[in-house]
Amino acid sequence: MFTWVQTQITQWTTLIPLAIVLVGGWAVVHTFHKTRAFIPVLAVALTTGVAAWASSGAGIGWIQGKVQSQTGAPALQTGAQPALSELPLGSVLTLTPDPDGVYRFSHAAPEHTALAV
């Protein structure tokens, strides 16, 4: 079930930049039809371009790099830990805070409350 959901999410997230471009194209045409002015049309077109770039893989990687360079903290690596659906039944997970305040799960024996999968 979880792999099906992850597959669906992956398929739909690839369509997000395309949807942004389509809606942005409609917004450009609509803005031109209503205003007949160059500056508002240019602003809508630039906003559409930035939104499509930011939602694409290149934009996300660039934003992660900028955040890492500004904060000094490494970017969160997706896939570094196994997904909950990949863990065997009966596993004990502990949620422990890292020095940066982010809670991550581990398989270590807990000294505090743990969740059983």
N, C-alpha and C. Protein backbone atom coordinates (compact mmCIF):
# COMPACT_ATOMS: atom_id res chain seq x y z
N MET A 1 0.82 -1.19 0.00
CA MET A 1 0.00 0.00 0.00
C MET A 1 0.87 1.26 0.00
N PHE A 2 1.92 1.24 0.86
CA PHE A 2 2.77 2.42 0.94
C PHE A 2 3.55 2.64 -0.35
N THR A 3 4.00 1.56 -0.98
CA THR A 3 4.73 1.74 -2.24
C THR A 3 3.82 2.28 -3.33
N TRP A 4 2.56 1.85 -3.33
CA TRP A 4 1.62 2.38 -4.31
C TRP A 4 1.41 3.88 -4.11
N VAL A 5 1.25 4.29 -2.85
CA VAL A 5 1.06 5.71 -2.54
C VAL A 5 2.30 6.50 -2.94
N GLN A 6 3.49 5.98 -2.64
CA GLN A 6 4.73 6.68 -3.01
C GLN A 6 4.85 6.79 -4.52
N THR A 7 4.46 5.76 -5.25
CA THR A 7 4.49 5.80 -6.71
C THR A 7 3.53 6.86 -7.23
N GLN A 8 2.34 6.92 -6.67
CA GLN A 8 1.36 7.92 -7.10
C GLN A 8 1.86 9.33 -6.82
N ILE A 9 2.45 9.54 -5.66
CA ILE A 9 2.97 10.87 -5.32
C ILE A 9 4.08 11.26 -6.29
N THR A 10 4.95 10.33 -6.61
CA THR A 10 6.04 10.61 -7.55
C THR A 10 5.50 10.96 -8.92
N GLN A 11 4.51 10.24 -9.38
CA GLN A 11 3.93 10.52 -10.69
C GLN A 11 3.25 11.88 -10.71
N TRP A 12 2.53 12.23 -9.66
CA TRP A 12 1.81 13.49 -9.64
C TRP A 12 2.74 14.68 -9.44
N THR A 13 3.83 14.50 -8.69
CA THR A 13 4.73 15.63 -8.47
C THR A 13 5.49 16.00 -9.73
N THR A 14 5.64 15.09 -10.67
CA THR A 14 6.28 15.46 -11.93
C THR A 14 5.36 16.34 -12.78
N LEU A 15 4.08 16.32 -12.49
CA LEU A 15 3.13 17.14 -13.25
C LEU A 15 2.98 18.56 -12.70
N ILE A 16 3.51 18.81 -11.51
CA ILE A 16 3.33 20.13 -10.90
C ILE A 16 3.94 21.25 -11.73
N PRO A 17 5.20 21.15 -12.21
CA PRO A 17 5.72 22.24 -13.05
C PRO A 17 4.90 22.46 -14.32
N LEU A 18 4.42 21.38 -14.92
CA LEU A 18 3.58 21.52 -16.11
C LEU A 18 2.28 22.26 -15.79
N ALA A 19 1.67 21.92 -14.68
CA ALA A 19 0.43 22.61 -14.28
C ALA A 19 0.69 24.09 -14.01
N ILE A 20 1.83 24.39 -13.39
CA ILE A 20 2.17 25.80 -13.13
C ILE A 20 2.33 26.55 -14.44
N VAL A 21 2.99 25.94 -15.42
CA VAL A 21 3.17 26.60 -16.72
C VAL A 21 1.83 26.80 -17.42
N LEU A 22 0.96 25.80 -17.37
CA LEU A 22 -0.34 25.95 -18.03
C LEU A 22 -1.19 27.04 -17.38
N VAL A 23 -1.25 27.04 -16.06
CA VAL A 23 -2.03 28.07 -15.37
C VAL A 23 -1.38 29.44 -15.57
N GLY A 24 -0.05 29.47 -15.55
CA GLY A 24 0.65 30.74 -15.79
C GLY A 24 0.43 31.26 -17.20
N GLY A 25 0.40 30.36 -18.19
CA GLY A 25 0.11 30.79 -19.56
C GLY A 25 -1.28 31.38 -19.68
N TRP A 26 -2.23 30.74 -19.01
CA TRP A 26 -3.59 31.28 -19.01
C TRP A 26 -3.60 32.65 -18.31
N ALA A 27 -2.85 32.80 -17.23
CA ALA A 27 -2.81 34.07 -16.50
C ALA A 27 -2.19 35.17 -17.35
N VAL A 28 -1.17 34.84 -18.14
CA VAL A 28 -0.56 35.83 -19.03
C VAL A 28 -1.57 36.31 -20.07
N VAL A 29 -2.25 35.36 -20.70
CA VAL A 29 -3.25 35.73 -21.71
C VAL A 29 -4.38 36.53 -21.08
N HIS A 30 -4.85 36.11 -19.92
CA HIS A 30 -5.94 36.81 -19.24
C HIS A 30 -5.51 38.23 -18.83
N THR A 31 -4.29 38.36 -18.35
CA THR A 31 -3.79 39.68 -17.95
C THR A 31 -3.68 40.60 -19.17
N PHE A 32 -3.18 40.06 -20.28
CA PHE A 32 -3.08 40.88 -21.49
C PHE A 32 -4.46 41.29 -21.98
N HIS A 33 -5.41 40.36 -21.93
CA HIS A 33 -6.77 40.66 -22.39
C HIS A 33 -7.43 41.75 -21.53
N LYS A 34 -7.18 41.72 -20.21
CA LYS A 34 -7.82 42.70 -19.32
C LYS A 34 -7.11 44.05 -19.32
N THR A 35 -5.77 44.05 -19.37
CA THR A 35 -5.05 45.32 -19.18
C THR A 35 -4.49 45.91 -20.47
N ARG A 36 -4.12 45.09 -21.43
CA ARG A 36 -3.45 45.54 -22.66
C ARG A 36 -2.19 46.35 -22.34
N ALA A 37 -1.55 46.01 -21.22
CA ALA A 37 -0.35 46.71 -20.81
C ALA A 37 0.82 45.72 -20.73
N PHE A 38 2.02 46.22 -21.00
CA PHE A 38 3.19 45.37 -21.07
C PHE A 38 3.71 44.97 -19.69
N ILE A 39 3.77 45.88 -18.75
CA ILE A 39 4.37 45.62 -17.44
C ILE A 39 3.60 44.54 -16.65
N PRO A 40 2.28 44.60 -16.53
CA PRO A 40 1.59 43.52 -15.81
C PRO A 40 1.77 42.15 -16.47
N VAL A 41 1.77 42.12 -17.80
CA VAL A 41 1.97 40.85 -18.51
C VAL A 41 3.37 40.32 -18.24
N LEU A 42 4.38 41.20 -18.25
CA LEU A 42 5.74 40.81 -17.96
C LEU A 42 5.88 40.30 -16.52
N ALA A 43 5.21 40.96 -15.59
CA ALA A 43 5.26 40.53 -14.18
C ALA A 43 4.64 39.14 -14.01
N VAL A 44 3.52 38.89 -14.65
CA VAL A 44 2.88 37.57 -14.55
C VAL A 44 3.74 36.50 -15.21
N ALA A 45 4.34 36.82 -16.34
CA ALA A 45 5.19 35.85 -17.03
C ALA A 45 6.43 35.53 -16.20
N LEU A 46 7.06 36.52 -15.61
CA LEU A 46 8.23 36.28 -14.77
C LEU A 46 7.86 35.47 -13.52
N THR A 47 6.73 35.80 -12.92
CA THR A 47 6.28 35.05 -11.74
C THR A 47 6.01 33.60 -12.09
N THR A 48 5.41 33.37 -13.24
CA THR A 48 5.15 32.00 -13.70
C THR A 48 6.46 31.26 -13.92
N GLY A 49 7.41 31.91 -14.55
CA GLY A 49 8.70 31.28 -14.80
C GLY A 49 9.43 30.93 -13.52
N VAL A 50 9.44 31.84 -12.55
CA VAL A 50 10.10 31.58 -11.27
C VAL A 50 9.40 30.45 -10.53
N ALA A 51 8.08 30.43 -10.54
CA ALA A 51 7.33 29.37 -9.85
C ALA A 51 7.60 28.01 -10.51
N ALA A 52 7.62 27.95 -11.83
CA ALA A 52 7.89 26.68 -12.52
C ALA A 52 9.31 26.22 -12.26
N TRP A 53 10.27 27.14 -12.27
CA TRP A 53 11.66 26.77 -11.99
C TRP A 53 11.83 26.28 -10.54
N ALA A 54 11.20 26.99 -9.60
CA ALA A 54 11.33 26.62 -8.19
C ALA A 54 10.71 25.26 -7.89
N SER A 55 9.68 24.89 -8.63
CA SER A 55 9.03 23.60 -8.38
C SER A 55 9.72 22.46 -9.11
N SER A 56 10.63 22.77 -10.01
CA SER A 56 11.35 21.71 -10.73
C SER A 56 12.51 21.21 -9.87
N GLY A 57 13.12 20.13 -10.29
CA GLY A 57 14.22 19.54 -9.54
C GLY A 57 15.43 20.47 -9.44
N ALA A 58 15.72 21.22 -10.50
CA ALA A 58 16.87 22.12 -10.48
C ALA A 58 16.67 23.24 -9.47
N GLY A 59 15.47 23.76 -9.41
CA GLY A 59 15.19 24.83 -8.45
C GLY A 59 15.27 24.36 -7.02
N ILE A 60 14.77 23.16 -6.76
CA ILE A 60 14.79 22.63 -5.40
C ILE A 60 16.23 22.38 -4.96
N GLY A 61 17.07 21.84 -5.85
CA GLY A 61 18.48 21.62 -5.52
C GLY A 61 19.21 22.92 -5.25
N TRP A 62 18.93 23.94 -6.04
CA TRP A 62 19.57 25.24 -5.85
C TRP A 62 19.15 25.85 -4.51
N ILE A 63 17.87 25.75 -4.19
CA ILE A 63 17.37 26.31 -2.92
C ILE A 63 18.00 25.56 -1.75
N GLN A 64 18.13 24.23 -1.83
CA GLN A 64 18.77 23.47 -0.76
C GLN A 64 20.22 23.90 -0.59
N GLY A 65 20.92 24.13 -1.69
CA GLY A 65 22.31 24.58 -1.63
C GLY A 65 22.43 25.95 -0.98
N LYS A 66 21.52 26.86 -1.32
CA LYS A 66 21.55 28.19 -0.72
C LYS A 66 21.26 28.14 0.78
N VAL A 67 20.30 27.32 1.18
CA VAL A 67 19.99 27.19 2.60
C VAL A 67 21.18 26.61 3.34
N GLN A 68 21.82 25.61 2.75
CA GLN A 68 22.98 25.00 3.41
C GLN A 68 24.12 26.00 3.51
N SER A 69 24.35 26.81 2.49
CA SER A 69 25.44 27.78 2.55
C SER A 69 25.15 28.89 3.56
N GLN A 70 23.88 29.23 3.76
CA GLN A 70 23.53 30.29 4.70
C GLN A 70 23.51 29.79 6.15
N THR A 71 23.05 28.57 6.36
CA THR A 71 22.91 28.07 7.73
C THR A 71 24.09 27.22 8.17
N GLY A 72 24.85 26.68 7.24
CA GLY A 72 25.96 25.81 7.59
C GLY A 72 25.53 24.40 7.92
N ALA A 73 24.23 24.13 7.94
CA ALA A 73 23.72 22.79 8.24
C ALA A 73 23.61 22.00 6.95
N PRO A 74 23.93 20.72 6.97
CA PRO A 74 23.78 19.93 5.74
C PRO A 74 22.31 19.81 5.36
N ALA A 75 22.06 19.74 4.07
CA ALA A 75 20.70 19.60 3.58
C ALA A 75 20.17 18.23 3.96
N LEU A 76 18.89 18.14 4.23
CA LEU A 76 18.26 16.87 4.57
C LEU A 76 18.29 15.97 3.35
N GLN A 77 18.87 14.80 3.50
CA GLN A 77 18.96 13.85 2.40
C GLN A 77 17.77 12.92 2.45
N THR A 78 16.93 12.96 1.45
CA THR A 78 15.80 12.05 1.42
C THR A 78 16.30 10.67 1.03
N GLY A 79 15.73 9.68 1.61
CA GLY A 79 16.13 8.32 1.31
C GLY A 79 17.29 7.83 2.16
N ALA A 80 17.80 8.66 3.06
CA ALA A 80 18.93 8.25 3.89
C ALA A 80 18.49 7.20 4.91
N GLN A 81 17.25 7.27 5.33
CA GLN A 81 16.73 6.30 6.28
C GLN A 81 15.67 5.46 5.58
N PRO A 82 15.50 4.22 6.03
CA PRO A 82 14.47 3.40 5.37
C PRO A 82 13.08 3.96 5.63
N ALA A 83 12.23 3.76 4.67
CA ALA A 83 10.84 4.19 4.85
C ALA A 83 10.18 3.29 5.88
N LEU A 84 9.15 3.81 6.54
CA LEU A 84 8.46 3.03 7.55
C LEU A 84 7.87 1.75 6.98
N SER A 85 7.50 1.77 5.72
CA SER A 85 6.92 0.57 5.11
C SER A 85 7.95 -0.52 4.89
N GLU A 86 9.26 -0.17 4.90
CA GLU A 86 10.30 -1.16 4.67
C GLU A 86 10.76 -1.85 5.95
N LEU A 87 10.33 -1.37 7.09
CA LEU A 87 10.76 -1.93 8.36
C LEU A 87 9.97 -3.19 8.68
N PRO A 88 10.61 -4.17 9.30
CA PRO A 88 9.88 -5.38 9.68
C PRO A 88 8.89 -5.08 10.80
N LEU A 89 7.81 -5.84 10.83
CA LEU A 89 6.82 -5.65 11.88
C LEU A 89 7.44 -5.96 13.24
N GLY A 90 7.05 -5.22 14.24
CA GLY A 90 7.58 -5.41 15.58
C GLY A 90 8.82 -4.59 15.85
N SER A 91 9.29 -3.80 14.88
CA SER A 91 10.46 -2.97 15.10
C SER A 91 10.13 -1.88 16.10
N VAL A 92 11.14 -1.47 16.84
CA VAL A 92 10.98 -0.37 17.78
C VAL A 92 11.74 0.82 17.24
N LEU A 93 11.04 1.92 17.09
CA LEU A 93 11.64 3.14 16.60
C LEU A 93 11.69 4.17 17.72
N THR A 94 12.77 4.91 17.76
CA THR A 94 12.85 6.00 18.73
C THR A 94 12.98 7.31 17.97
N LEU A 95 12.32 8.31 18.47
CA LEU A 95 12.44 9.65 17.90
C LEU A 95 13.40 10.43 18.79
N THR A 96 14.55 10.79 18.23
CA THR A 96 15.55 11.51 19.00
C THR A 96 15.84 12.84 18.32
N PRO A 97 15.98 13.90 19.09
CA PRO A 97 16.30 15.20 18.49
C PRO A 97 17.79 15.30 18.18
N ASP A 98 18.11 15.82 17.03
CA ASP A 98 19.50 16.11 16.67
C ASP A 98 19.88 17.46 17.27
N PRO A 99 21.15 17.80 17.24
CA PRO A 99 21.55 19.12 17.77
C PRO A 99 20.86 20.29 17.08
N ASP A 100 20.43 20.08 15.82
CA ASP A 100 19.75 21.17 15.12
C ASP A 100 18.25 21.23 15.46
N GLY A 101 17.78 20.34 16.34
CA GLY A 101 16.39 20.40 16.78
C GLY A 101 15.43 19.57 15.96
N VAL A 102 15.92 18.89 14.92
CA VAL A 102 15.06 18.08 14.06
C VAL A 102 14.98 16.68 14.64
N TYR A 103 13.76 16.17 14.77
CA TYR A 103 13.57 14.81 15.28
C TYR A 103 13.72 13.81 14.14
N ARG A 104 14.54 12.79 14.36
CA ARG A 104 14.73 11.72 13.40
C ARG A 104 14.57 10.39 14.12
N PHE A 105 14.13 9.37 13.39
CA PHE A 105 13.94 8.09 14.04
C PHE A 105 15.18 7.22 13.89
N SER A 106 15.37 6.35 14.83
CA SER A 106 16.49 5.42 14.79
C SER A 106 16.03 4.07 15.35
N HIS A 107 16.85 3.06 15.17
CA HIS A 107 16.53 1.72 15.65
C HIS A 107 17.19 1.43 16.99
N ALA A 108 17.81 2.42 17.60
CA ALA A 108 18.52 2.20 18.86
C ALA A 108 17.56 1.92 19.98
N ALA A 109 18.04 1.21 20.98
CA ALA A 109 17.19 0.93 22.15
C ALA A 109 16.93 2.23 22.87
N PRO A 110 15.69 2.51 23.16
CA PRO A 110 15.36 3.81 23.75
C PRO A 110 15.55 3.86 25.26
N GLU A 111 15.83 5.06 25.74
CA GLU A 111 15.77 5.31 27.16
C GLU A 111 14.52 6.12 27.50
N HIS A 112 13.75 6.41 26.47
CA HIS A 112 12.51 7.15 26.65
C HIS A 112 11.42 6.48 25.80
N THR A 113 10.31 7.12 25.65
CA THR A 113 9.16 6.53 24.97
C THR A 113 9.49 6.20 23.52
N ALA A 114 9.03 5.05 23.06
CA ALA A 114 9.24 4.61 21.69
C ALA A 114 7.92 4.20 21.07
N LEU A 115 7.89 4.16 19.76
CA LEU A 115 6.70 3.73 19.03
C LEU A 115 6.99 2.37 18.41
N ALA A 116 6.06 1.47 18.51
CA ALA A 116 6.22 0.15 17.86
C ALA A 116 5.49 0.19 16.53
N VAL A 117 6.14 -0.35 15.50
CA VAL A 117 5.55 -0.38 14.17
C VAL A 117 4.80 -1.66 13.98
